[in-house]
């Protein structure tokens, strides 16, 4: 079968691609559950396709990469002899042997971060600030379907689920200057992958014709029969000491015809269209876009959000609260990133995310959905603080399949009328007089006595966070909090960790005790001598609690 992943109105979903190229939603016939990612099909084993029901109507939405591996993409270099020769002559190969031998004796293996994966149709960032030698490499990608450890060539293909197309984008000058290939091949957007993932039973990998075109001009045209090291050899080599896991992706190498092979070299420029195609695998099509912002802003629906990424593994998304920013989790990120792919972002109107108009909890929920889809994240654990807990819990209520766990620091509920009046008054004050009019009052009320007396750096961090906010964005967030309607907490079945401080006046222990009785699967931890800014007031305890909760099966 051929599979595509589509971003629909209710999130990403996996679709079957019919003979006309239409994508149709699929579900498991025995459970009725919608299939949202290729990993679910791979995990179902070789007969998983027999359990699938295909919808009659075509699915509309943005095409996503059919699979985003949980770890780096494995890549093989110099794996077609003519390409190895053109690369050796180009002057960009810092790995060639002293005697000029261009055909390697063993597979040349490197990796690209999973975060570089983009879909067919997405723009490739040319990174013109750091490279002037942008090049393409059309390749066949292998998708592992069964764990492979010390697998022989004879058995290797039994561990393959299927195949896809990859454009191994490369900054040739960085590849040369750094004397290795990782940096030159691992810039953001440098791994277009797709458009489909095709099961192995539909592909003859021993003689698959691969082509690459630039602006309609054919640049590469070769068969996998010309590989120096075929797919079984590659799998045997990798699995000899590295266990390959289901969902791992291997790029098998590119044939002759890359840009540096021309005299003079024909590098890609803004506006160029690169297509990679192979019989039965579709056409991977990408345009070289304008250079991306260097301020870490990610497009999420109608908003551009400041994001920070760390680590690999299951995804944990960290959401701040009113007056916060990504930095409230700075003490926790290093530890969490040892086991998780950590995504932090500033809510629109906060920190370094621009304020573009009135805020609301509903708007931030839609923003989070768009961000997860933009990042290719199907499911994540949500860690949220204060007002951010309303965003996280409302999201979990509306999109339960997208949330694996909830860690709620200083959880808040819908405000009573008196609190709404005070919050709206604060918004008016900030609009009139700026953040300096409220920052010290908030610090005095929100931090514990112990923090104010013994933790001066924590006090300073909270104060600077508040003073650094956009007054219009903060005031709008106050109004959003005052207008918030809490979700149906009892309907949230994900495991929940509640954390509060014994001096937290915003999220008192009594409030958390009540929430503990409502959530079906919850636990509560109360930190001694801590107010409302838990991650900064007792960072070690919060780090320990989050690590234990997120890593627990």
Protein backbone atom coordinates (compact mmCIF):
# COMPACT_ATOMS: atom_id res chain seq x y z
CA UNK A 1 0.00 0.00 0.00
CA UNK A 2 0.92 3.63 -0.44
CA UNK A 3 0.48 5.93 2.55
CA UNK A 4 0.46 9.71 2.93
CA UNK A 5 0.10 11.77 6.10
CA UNK A 6 -2.34 14.67 5.90
CA UNK A 7 -2.96 17.54 8.30
CA UNK A 8 -6.73 17.64 8.65
CA UNK A 9 -9.01 19.80 10.74
CA UNK A 10 -8.63 17.44 13.71
CA UNK A 11 -4.88 16.96 13.42
CA UNK A 12 -2.57 14.73 11.42
CA UNK A 13 -3.86 11.44 10.07
CA UNK A 14 -2.50 8.66 7.89
CA UNK A 15 -4.23 8.04 4.58
CA UNK A 16 -4.09 5.40 1.88
CA UNK A 17 -3.20 6.74 -1.57
CA UNK A 18 -5.31 5.31 -4.38
CA UNK A 19 -4.39 4.82 -8.03
CA UNK A 20 -5.48 8.38 -8.89
CA UNK A 21 -3.28 9.80 -6.13
CA UNK A 22 -6.19 10.70 -3.84
CA UNK A 23 -5.57 10.33 -0.10
CA UNK A 24 -8.30 8.49 1.82
CA UNK A 25 -8.46 8.29 5.60
CA UNK A 26 -7.92 4.87 7.13
CA UNK A 27 -8.91 3.22 10.38
CA UNK A 28 -8.40 -0.16 12.01
CA UNK A 29 -11.38 -2.33 11.12
CA UNK A 30 -11.38 -4.21 14.43
CA UNK A 31 -11.34 -1.12 16.67
CA UNK A 32 -12.61 1.69 14.44
CA UNK A 33 -9.66 3.78 15.62
CA UNK A 34 -8.35 6.33 13.13
CA UNK A 35 -4.76 5.74 12.07
CA UNK A 36 -2.74 8.89 12.68
CA UNK A 37 0.82 7.82 11.92
CA UNK A 38 2.79 5.24 10.00
CA UNK A 39 4.29 3.87 13.21
CA UNK A 40 0.88 2.43 14.09
CA UNK A 41 0.81 0.49 10.82
CA UNK A 42 4.42 -0.65 11.19
CA UNK A 43 3.73 -1.80 14.75
CA UNK A 44 0.84 -3.89 13.46
CA UNK A 45 3.25 -6.20 11.68
CA UNK A 46 3.30 -7.52 8.12
CA UNK A 47 -0.45 -8.14 8.04
CA UNK A 48 -1.47 -4.73 9.40
CA UNK A 49 -2.78 -3.57 6.02
CA UNK A 50 -5.37 -6.35 6.10
CA UNK A 51 -6.89 -4.76 9.23
CA UNK A 52 -7.36 -1.36 7.60
CA UNK A 53 -10.61 0.15 6.41
CA UNK A 54 -10.29 2.85 3.74
CA UNK A 55 -12.79 5.73 3.62
CA UNK A 56 -14.74 6.38 0.43
CA UNK A 57 -14.12 10.12 0.36
CA UNK A 58 -10.81 11.82 -0.35
CA UNK A 59 -9.08 13.65 2.49
CA UNK A 60 -8.11 17.29 2.08
CA UNK A 61 -5.37 19.10 3.94
CA UNK A 62 -1.68 19.88 3.96
CA UNK A 63 0.63 17.04 2.99
CA UNK A 64 3.04 16.12 5.80
CA UNK A 65 6.11 13.91 5.72
CA UNK A 66 4.79 10.31 5.75
CA UNK A 67 7.05 9.48 8.68
CA UNK A 68 9.27 11.48 11.02
CA UNK A 69 11.72 9.07 12.64
CA UNK A 70 12.20 9.15 16.39
CA UNK A 71 15.96 9.48 15.94
CA UNK A 72 18.43 10.58 13.29
CA UNK A 73 18.07 9.50 9.68
CA UNK A 74 20.88 7.10 8.76
CA UNK A 75 22.58 8.05 5.48
CA UNK A 76 25.07 6.36 3.17
CA UNK A 77 27.50 8.49 1.19
CA UNK A 78 29.43 7.80 -2.03
CA UNK A 79 27.28 4.75 -2.80
CA UNK A 80 27.13 5.08 -6.61
CA UNK A 81 30.56 4.77 -8.26
CA UNK A 82 30.07 7.61 -10.77
CA UNK A 83 28.90 9.96 -8.02
CA UNK A 84 31.85 8.92 -5.85
CA UNK A 85 34.12 9.88 -8.76
CA UNK A 86 32.46 13.26 -9.37
CA UNK A 87 32.60 14.02 -5.65
CA UNK A 88 36.29 13.09 -5.46
CA UNK A 89 37.07 15.44 -8.36
CA UNK A 90 34.99 18.33 -7.00
CA UNK A 91 37.46 19.45 -4.35
CA UNK A 92 34.74 19.26 -1.68
CA UNK A 93 35.49 15.74 -0.43
CA UNK A 94 37.51 15.97 2.77
CA UNK A 95 37.16 12.22 3.39
CA UNK A 96 38.84 10.78 0.29
CA UNK A 97 41.77 8.41 0.65
CA UNK A 98 45.31 9.62 0.13
CA UNK A 99 45.73 7.52 -3.02
CA UNK A 100 42.69 9.09 -4.65
CA UNK A 101 40.60 5.94 -4.46
CA UNK A 102 37.02 7.18 -4.74
CA UNK A 103 35.08 3.92 -4.35
CA UNK A 104 34.89 3.11 -0.62
CA UNK A 105 35.74 -0.32 0.74
CA UNK A 106 32.97 -0.07 3.32
CA UNK A 107 29.72 1.91 3.47
CA UNK A 108 30.30 5.55 4.41
CA UNK A 109 27.64 6.28 7.04
CA UNK A 110 26.55 9.57 8.58
CA UNK A 111 23.27 10.87 9.99
CA UNK A 112 20.85 13.79 9.68
CA UNK A 113 18.72 14.93 12.65
CA UNK A 114 15.06 13.95 12.49
CA UNK A 115 14.25 17.64 12.98
CA UNK A 116 15.53 18.33 9.44
CA UNK A 117 12.67 16.31 7.90
CA UNK A 118 10.13 18.33 5.91
CA UNK A 119 7.30 17.31 3.59
CA UNK A 120 6.93 17.43 -0.15
CA UNK A 121 5.69 20.92 -0.92
CA UNK A 122 7.50 22.57 1.99
CA UNK A 123 10.08 25.25 1.26
CA UNK A 124 13.76 24.50 1.76
CA UNK A 125 15.63 27.16 3.74
CA UNK A 126 18.73 28.14 1.70
CA UNK A 127 20.61 29.39 4.80
CA UNK A 128 22.29 32.06 2.70
CA UNK A 129 23.89 33.55 5.81
CA UNK A 130 26.18 30.53 6.23
CA UNK A 131 26.39 28.77 2.84
CA UNK A 132 26.73 29.72 -0.81
CA UNK A 133 26.97 26.15 -2.12
CA UNK A 134 23.48 24.66 -1.80
CA UNK A 135 23.16 21.26 -3.49
CA UNK A 136 20.62 18.45 -3.96
CA UNK A 137 20.95 14.67 -3.68
CA UNK A 138 18.00 12.51 -4.73
CA UNK A 139 17.88 9.21 -2.85
CA UNK A 140 15.77 6.18 -2.02
CA UNK A 141 14.84 5.93 1.66
CA UNK A 142 14.42 2.60 3.43
CA UNK A 143 11.90 2.36 6.30
CA UNK A 144 12.68 -0.33 8.86
CA UNK A 145 9.69 -2.45 9.88
CA UNK A 146 11.15 -4.96 12.32
CA UNK A 147 13.92 -4.63 14.90
CA UNK A 148 17.24 -5.57 13.32
CA UNK A 149 20.29 -6.58 15.33
CA UNK A 150 23.22 -8.43 13.76
CA UNK A 151 21.14 -9.25 10.71
CA UNK A 152 22.71 -11.05 7.75
CA UNK A 153 22.38 -9.87 4.17
CA UNK A 154 20.23 -12.89 3.42
CA UNK A 155 17.66 -11.87 6.05
CA UNK A 156 17.98 -8.09 5.80
CA UNK A 157 15.00 -7.38 3.57
CA UNK A 158 12.74 -9.22 6.02
CA UNK A 159 13.30 -6.25 8.33
CA UNK A 160 12.24 -3.62 5.78
CA UNK A 161 8.71 -2.22 5.98
CA UNK A 162 8.92 -0.11 2.84
CA UNK A 163 10.44 2.79 0.96
CA UNK A 164 10.17 6.53 0.39
CA UNK A 165 12.04 9.34 -1.38
CA UNK A 166 14.60 11.65 0.22
CA UNK A 167 16.42 14.76 -0.94
CA UNK A 168 19.67 14.80 1.04
CA UNK A 169 20.18 18.57 0.86
CA UNK A 170 23.78 19.62 1.41
CA UNK A 171 25.75 22.81 2.03
CA UNK A 172 28.91 21.79 0.16
CA UNK A 173 31.14 24.48 1.64
CA UNK A 174 30.20 23.48 5.19
CA UNK A 175 30.63 19.81 4.30
CA UNK A 176 34.16 20.59 3.10
CA UNK A 177 35.22 23.07 5.75
CA UNK A 178 34.18 21.00 8.76
CA UNK A 179 36.01 17.89 7.49
CA UNK A 180 32.93 15.76 8.11
CA UNK A 181 29.42 15.74 6.75
CA UNK A 182 27.06 16.20 9.69
CA UNK A 183 26.86 20.00 9.78
CA UNK A 184 26.75 20.47 6.02
CA UNK A 185 23.86 18.04 5.72
CA UNK A 186 21.94 18.81 8.91
CA UNK A 187 20.74 22.39 8.58
CA UNK A 188 17.06 23.04 9.22
CA UNK A 189 14.79 21.75 6.38
CA UNK A 190 17.63 19.74 4.81
CA UNK A 191 15.77 16.42 4.65
CA UNK A 192 12.70 16.62 2.38
CA UNK A 193 11.02 13.20 2.66
CA UNK A 194 7.96 11.77 0.91
CA UNK A 195 5.50 12.29 -0.60
CA UNK A 196 4.46 8.77 0.33
CA UNK A 197 5.66 5.73 2.22
CA UNK A 198 5.16 2.59 0.13
CA UNK A 199 5.14 -0.93 1.53
CA UNK A 200 7.96 -3.21 0.39
CA UNK A 201 5.66 -5.62 -1.44
CA UNK A 202 5.02 -2.92 -4.08
CA UNK A 203 8.66 -2.02 -4.74
CA UNK A 204 11.47 -3.86 -6.53
CA UNK A 205 14.38 -2.34 -4.67
CA UNK A 206 16.93 -4.27 -6.74
CA UNK A 207 16.18 -2.24 -9.89
CA UNK A 208 14.34 0.96 -9.03
CA UNK A 209 14.85 3.92 -11.36
CA UNK A 210 15.64 7.15 -9.49
CA UNK A 211 15.53 10.61 -11.10
CA UNK A 212 16.13 14.17 -9.95
CA UNK A 213 15.10 17.29 -11.86
CA UNK A 214 15.92 20.95 -11.19
CA UNK A 215 13.46 23.38 -12.75
CA UNK A 216 12.35 20.59 -15.09
CA UNK A 217 15.88 19.72 -16.25
CA UNK A 218 16.94 16.14 -15.57
CA UNK A 219 20.08 16.06 -13.43
CA UNK A 220 20.14 12.50 -12.05
CA UNK A 221 18.93 9.23 -13.58
CA UNK A 222 20.13 5.89 -12.22
CA UNK A 223 18.95 2.50 -11.01
CA UNK A 224 19.40 1.05 -7.55
CA UNK A 225 21.05 -1.85 -9.38
CA UNK A 226 24.06 0.50 -9.59
CA UNK A 227 24.44 0.86 -5.82
CA UNK A 228 27.92 -0.03 -4.60
CA UNK A 229 26.42 -1.35 -1.36
CA UNK A 230 22.88 -2.62 -1.82
CA UNK A 231 20.15 -2.35 0.79
CA UNK A 232 20.85 -5.77 2.39
CA UNK A 233 24.54 -4.86 2.76
CA UNK A 234 23.67 -1.52 4.33
CA UNK A 235 21.33 -3.14 6.85
CA UNK A 236 23.87 -5.85 7.65
CA UNK A 237 26.56 -3.21 8.21
CA UNK A 238 24.46 -0.95 10.42
CA UNK A 239 22.82 -3.71 12.44
CA UNK A 240 26.15 -5.37 13.20
CA UNK A 241 26.52 -3.04 16.16
CA UNK A 242 23.54 -0.66 16.05
CA UNK A 243 20.08 -2.07 16.68
CA UNK A 244 17.74 -0.71 14.03
CA UNK A 245 14.25 -0.02 15.33
CA UNK A 246 10.89 -0.01 13.54
CA UNK A 247 10.42 3.40 11.96
CA UNK A 248 14.12 4.06 11.45
CA UNK A 249 14.89 5.57 8.04
CA UNK A 250 18.00 4.95 5.93
CA UNK A 251 18.93 7.15 2.94
CA UNK A 252 20.80 4.86 0.55
CA UNK A 253 22.96 7.32 -1.38
CA UNK A 254 22.74 9.53 -4.45
CA UNK A 255 23.80 8.89 -8.06
CA UNK A 256 25.92 11.02 -10.39
CA UNK A 257 24.57 14.43 -11.42
CA UNK A 258 24.69 16.60 -8.30
CA UNK A 259 25.41 20.31 -8.62
CA UNK A 260 29.10 20.11 -7.71
CA UNK A 261 29.62 17.62 -10.53
CA UNK A 262 29.21 20.36 -13.14
CA UNK A 263 31.93 22.73 -14.31
CA UNK A 264 31.28 25.29 -13.04
CA UNK A 265 29.13 23.90 -10.19
CA UNK A 266 25.40 24.49 -10.54
CA UNK A 267 24.25 25.38 -7.05
CA UNK A 268 20.63 25.87 -6.09
CA UNK A 269 19.23 29.36 -5.60
CA UNK A 270 16.05 30.88 -4.22
CA UNK A 271 13.07 29.93 -6.40
CA UNK A 272 14.57 26.74 -7.86
CA UNK A 273 12.30 23.68 -7.82
CA UNK A 274 13.83 20.28 -7.08
CA UNK A 275 11.91 17.07 -7.76
CA UNK A 276 12.98 13.56 -6.84
CA UNK A 277 11.01 10.64 -8.29
CA UNK A 278 11.10 6.87 -8.58
CA UNK A 279 8.71 4.35 -10.05
CA UNK A 280 5.83 3.78 -7.64
CA UNK A 281 7.12 6.18 -4.98
CA UNK A 282 5.62 9.38 -6.37
CA UNK A 283 7.33 12.75 -6.78
CA UNK A 284 9.04 14.61 -3.93
CA UNK A 285 8.76 18.27 -4.87
CA UNK A 286 10.30 21.23 -3.02
CA UNK A 287 11.18 24.82 -3.84
CA UNK A 288 14.15 26.71 -2.45
CA UNK A 289 12.43 29.35 -0.35
CA UNK A 290 13.47 32.69 1.03
CA UNK A 291 15.90 32.54 3.96
CA UNK A 292 14.00 31.82 7.17
CA UNK A 293 13.89 34.15 10.14
CA UNK A 294 16.85 33.74 12.44
CA UNK A 295 14.78 34.58 15.51
CA UNK A 296 13.52 31.00 15.99
CA UNK A 297 9.97 31.91 14.99
CA UNK A 298 7.90 28.97 13.79
CA UNK A 299 4.76 29.35 11.73
CA UNK A 300 1.78 27.87 13.60
CA UNK A 301 -1.46 28.61 11.81
CA UNK A 302 -1.91 32.37 11.75
CA UNK A 303 0.83 32.95 14.33
CA UNK A 304 4.61 32.98 14.39
CA UNK A 305 5.87 31.54 17.67
CA UNK A 306 9.25 31.61 19.35
CA UNK A 307 10.30 27.99 19.85
CA UNK A 308 13.24 26.15 21.39
CA UNK A 309 14.10 22.50 20.84
CA UNK A 310 16.24 20.08 22.84
CA UNK A 311 16.85 16.33 22.96
CA UNK A 312 15.33 13.36 21.18
CA UNK A 313 12.71 10.77 22.03
CA UNK A 314 9.06 11.02 23.08
CA UNK A 315 7.87 14.61 22.87
CA UNK A 316 7.33 16.87 25.88
CA UNK A 317 5.86 20.31 25.18
CA UNK A 318 6.42 22.95 27.86
CA UNK A 319 3.78 25.70 28.16
CA UNK A 320 4.24 28.74 30.38
CA UNK A 321 1.58 30.80 32.11
CA UNK A 322 0.55 34.45 32.37
CA UNK A 323 3.64 36.65 32.31
CA UNK A 324 5.92 33.71 31.59
CA UNK A 325 8.11 32.57 28.71
CA UNK A 326 10.19 29.56 27.71
CA UNK A 327 12.82 30.52 30.28
CA UNK A 328 10.69 29.46 33.26
CA UNK A 329 11.67 25.89 32.38
CA UNK A 330 15.37 26.61 31.90
CA UNK A 331 16.36 24.70 35.09
CA UNK A 332 14.49 21.58 33.90
CA UNK A 333 15.33 21.38 30.19
CA UNK A 334 18.73 19.69 30.37
CA UNK A 335 17.44 16.79 32.46
CA UNK A 336 14.23 16.37 30.47
CA UNK A 337 16.15 16.40 27.18
CA UNK A 338 18.10 13.32 28.25
CA UNK A 339 14.98 11.22 27.69
CA UNK A 340 12.64 13.41 25.62
CA UNK A 341 12.41 15.68 22.63
CA UNK A 342 11.58 18.90 24.45
CA UNK A 343 9.69 21.69 22.69
CA UNK A 344 9.31 25.02 24.48
CA UNK A 345 7.44 27.95 23.02
CA UNK A 346 6.17 31.38 23.95
CA UNK A 347 2.40 31.77 23.72
CA UNK A 348 1.47 34.42 21.16
CA UNK A 349 1.70 37.82 22.81
CA UNK A 350 4.25 36.58 25.38
CA UNK A 351 8.03 36.66 25.47
CA UNK A 352 9.45 36.65 21.96
CA UNK A 353 6.25 35.57 20.18
CA UNK A 354 4.67 38.63 18.54
CA UNK A 355 1.34 39.96 19.75
CA UNK A 356 -1.02 39.95 16.76
CA UNK A 357 -4.40 40.62 18.31
CA UNK A 358 -6.78 39.65 21.11
CA UNK A 359 -5.80 36.47 22.94
CA UNK A 360 -8.06 33.70 24.23
CA UNK A 361 -7.71 30.22 25.67
CA UNK A 362 -9.44 28.85 22.56
CA UNK A 363 -7.00 30.72 20.35
CA UNK A 364 -4.01 29.34 22.22
CA UNK A 365 -5.46 25.82 21.95
CA UNK A 366 -5.75 26.21 18.16
CA UNK A 367 -2.24 27.63 18.15
CA UNK A 368 -0.90 24.58 20.01
CA UNK A 369 -2.62 22.22 17.56
CA UNK A 370 -1.10 24.10 14.62
CA UNK A 371 2.33 24.04 16.27
CA UNK A 372 2.25 20.28 16.85
CA UNK A 373 1.19 19.71 13.26
CA UNK A 374 3.88 22.07 11.96
CA UNK A 375 6.49 20.17 13.97
CA UNK A 376 5.17 16.78 12.82
CA UNK A 377 4.24 15.80 16.39
CA UNK A 378 1.36 13.36 16.63
CA UNK A 379 1.33 12.98 20.40
CA UNK A 380 3.07 14.72 23.28
CA UNK A 381 3.21 15.01 27.02
CA UNK A 382 2.14 18.53 28.00
CA UNK A 383 3.83 20.32 30.90
CA UNK A 384 2.05 23.56 31.76
CA UNK A 385 2.16 26.31 34.37
CA UNK A 386 -0.63 28.49 35.77
CA UNK A 387 -2.77 29.93 32.96
CA UNK A 388 -1.00 27.53 30.62
CA UNK A 389 -2.72 24.65 32.45
CA UNK A 390 -6.05 25.87 31.06
CA UNK A 391 -4.54 25.76 27.58
CA UNK A 392 -3.16 22.26 28.16
CA UNK A 393 -6.29 20.79 29.74
CA UNK A 394 -8.63 22.33 27.17
CA UNK A 395 -6.39 20.93 24.45
CA UNK A 396 -6.45 17.49 26.13
CA UNK A 397 -10.25 17.59 26.33
CA UNK A 398 -10.62 18.43 22.63
CA UNK A 399 -7.75 16.37 21.24
CA UNK A 400 -7.29 13.44 23.64
CA UNK A 401 -5.35 11.31 21.15
CA UNK A 402 -2.67 14.00 20.91
CA UNK A 403 -1.88 14.01 24.66
CA UNK A 404 -0.02 11.20 26.44
CA UNK A 405 0.38 12.85 29.86
CA UNK A 406 -0.31 16.14 31.64
CA UNK A 407 1.96 17.73 34.23
CA UNK A 408 0.21 20.77 35.69
CA UNK A 409 2.20 23.21 37.81
CA UNK A 410 0.00 25.59 39.77
CA UNK A 411 -3.17 24.46 38.01
CA UNK A 412 -5.86 27.12 37.76
CA UNK A 413 -9.58 26.95 37.19
CA UNK A 414 -12.17 29.29 35.77
CA UNK A 415 -11.96 32.48 37.80
CA UNK A 416 -14.76 33.53 40.17
CA UNK A 417 -16.34 36.93 39.52
CA UNK A 418 -14.21 38.81 42.06
CA UNK A 419 -10.99 37.47 40.56
CA UNK A 420 -12.20 38.29 37.04
CA UNK A 421 -12.77 41.90 38.08
CA UNK A 422 -9.27 42.14 39.57
CA UNK A 423 -7.65 40.54 36.51
CA UNK A 424 -9.40 42.92 34.13
CA UNK A 425 -8.36 45.85 36.33
CA UNK A 426 -4.75 44.67 36.07
CA UNK A 427 -5.09 44.65 32.28
CA UNK A 428 -6.23 48.29 32.33
CA UNK A 429 -3.33 49.25 34.59
CA UNK A 430 -0.77 47.61 32.33
CA UNK A 431 -2.18 49.27 29.22
CA UNK A 432 -2.05 52.65 30.93
CA UNK A 433 1.25 52.44 32.82
CA UNK A 434 3.20 49.44 31.51
CA UNK A 435 4.52 46.31 33.21
CA UNK A 436 6.51 48.24 35.80
CA UNK A 437 3.21 49.24 37.40
CA UNK A 438 2.40 45.64 38.38
CA UNK A 439 5.65 43.63 38.37
CA UNK A 440 6.70 44.21 41.98
CA UNK A 441 3.17 43.63 43.28
CA UNK A 442 2.99 40.29 41.46
CA UNK A 443 6.42 39.23 42.75
CA UNK A 444 5.43 40.06 46.32
CA UNK A 445 2.17 38.13 46.11
CA UNK A 446 3.17 35.14 44.00
CA UNK A 447 6.47 34.04 45.59
CA UNK A 448 6.85 32.29 48.92
CA UNK A 449 8.38 33.99 51.93
CA UNK A 450 11.33 31.59 51.75
CA UNK A 451 11.92 32.47 48.11
CA UNK A 452 11.78 36.19 48.78
CA UNK A 453 14.26 35.90 51.65
CA UNK A 454 16.60 33.10 50.54
CA UNK A 455 16.38 32.87 46.72
CA UNK A 456 17.27 36.27 45.28
CA UNK A 457 18.04 34.86 41.82
CA UNK A 458 14.55 33.36 41.62
CA UNK A 459 13.02 36.69 42.60
CA UNK A 460 15.09 38.49 39.97
CA UNK A 461 14.18 35.94 37.28
CA UNK A 462 10.43 36.32 37.86
CA UNK A 463 10.68 40.11 37.99
CA UNK A 464 12.64 40.28 34.73
CA UNK A 465 10.18 37.93 33.03
CA UNK A 466 7.33 40.25 33.94
CA UNK A 467 9.13 43.46 33.01
CA UNK A 468 10.08 41.98 29.65
CA UNK A 469 6.50 41.32 28.55
CA UNK A 470 4.76 43.27 25.82
CA UNK A 471 2.19 45.33 27.78
CA UNK A 472 -0.49 44.90 25.12
CA UNK A 473 0.12 41.16 24.95
CA UNK A 474 0.08 40.81 28.73
CA UNK A 475 -3.09 42.89 29.10
CA UNK A 476 -4.80 40.82 26.42
CA UNK A 477 -3.73 37.64 28.21
CA UNK A 478 -5.24 38.94 31.45
CA UNK A 479 -8.53 39.45 29.63
CA UNK A 480 -8.26 35.96 28.13
CA UNK A 481 -7.79 34.48 31.61
CA UNK A 482 -10.77 36.43 32.97
CA UNK A 483 -12.94 35.16 30.11
CA UNK A 484 -11.73 31.56 30.32
CA UNK A 485 -14.18 28.69 30.74
CA UNK A 486 -12.64 25.58 32.24
CA UNK A 487 -12.85 22.26 30.39
CA UNK A 488 -14.52 19.10 31.64
CA UNK A 489 -11.62 17.87 33.77
CA UNK A 490 -13.36 14.55 34.47
CA UNK A 491 -13.29 13.67 30.76
CA UNK A 492 -9.49 13.77 30.61
CA UNK A 493 -8.19 10.21 30.87
CA UNK A 494 -4.49 10.93 30.41
CA UNK A 495 -2.31 10.52 33.52
CA UNK A 496 -2.08 13.84 35.39
CA UNK A 497 0.60 15.12 37.76
CA UNK A 498 -0.46 18.11 39.87
CA UNK A 499 2.31 20.18 41.45
CA UNK A 500 1.72 23.13 43.74
CA UNK A 501 3.44 24.95 46.58
CA UNK A 502 2.25 25.13 50.15
CA UNK A 503 2.36 28.94 49.82
CA UNK A 504 0.80 29.10 46.35
CA UNK A 505 -2.02 31.65 46.62
CA UNK A 506 -2.96 31.34 42.93
CA UNK A 507 -3.26 27.55 43.00
CA UNK A 508 -3.80 26.65 46.67
CA UNK A 509 -3.50 23.12 47.97
CA UNK A 510 -7.29 23.04 48.43
CA UNK A 511 -7.82 23.74 44.72
CA UNK A 512 -5.44 20.94 43.81
CA UNK A 513 -7.10 18.54 46.26
CA UNK A 514 -10.38 19.23 44.50
CA UNK A 515 -8.84 18.66 41.07
CA UNK A 516 -7.25 15.46 42.36
CA UNK A 517 -10.73 14.15 43.11
CA UNK A 518 -11.99 15.06 39.63
CA UNK A 519 -9.28 13.75 37.31
CA UNK A 520 -9.65 9.98 36.73
CA UNK A 521 -5.90 9.34 36.91
CA UNK A 522 -4.09 11.98 38.94
CA UNK A 523 -1.48 12.42 41.64
CA UNK A 524 -0.57 15.50 43.68
CA UNK A 525 2.78 16.74 44.95
CA UNK A 526 3.00 19.74 47.30
CA UNK A 527 6.34 21.56 47.54
CA UNK A 528 7.30 23.04 50.89
CA UNK A 529 8.28 26.70 51.03
CA UNK A 530 7.19 27.35 47.45
CA UNK A 531 4.76 29.87 46.00
CA UNK A 532 3.35 29.99 42.47
CA UNK A 533 6.55 30.00 40.34
CA UNK A 534 7.47 26.41 41.16
CA UNK A 535 10.05 25.71 38.45
CA UNK A 536 12.12 28.71 39.54
CA UNK A 537 11.51 28.56 43.30
CA UNK A 538 12.42 24.88 43.79
CA UNK A 539 13.95 23.84 40.47
CA UNK A 540 15.54 20.61 41.72
CA UNK A 541 12.29 19.24 43.13
CA UNK A 542 10.33 20.17 40.01
CA UNK A 543 12.97 18.59 37.77
CA UNK A 544 12.88 15.38 39.80
CA UNK A 545 9.08 15.18 39.80
CA UNK A 546 8.77 15.89 36.08
CA UNK A 547 11.50 13.42 35.16
CA UNK A 548 9.94 10.64 37.23
CA UNK A 549 6.47 11.31 35.86
CA UNK A 550 7.43 11.64 32.19
CA UNK A 551 9.67 8.57 32.14
CA UNK A 552 7.26 6.30 34.02
CA UNK A 553 5.61 3.81 31.62
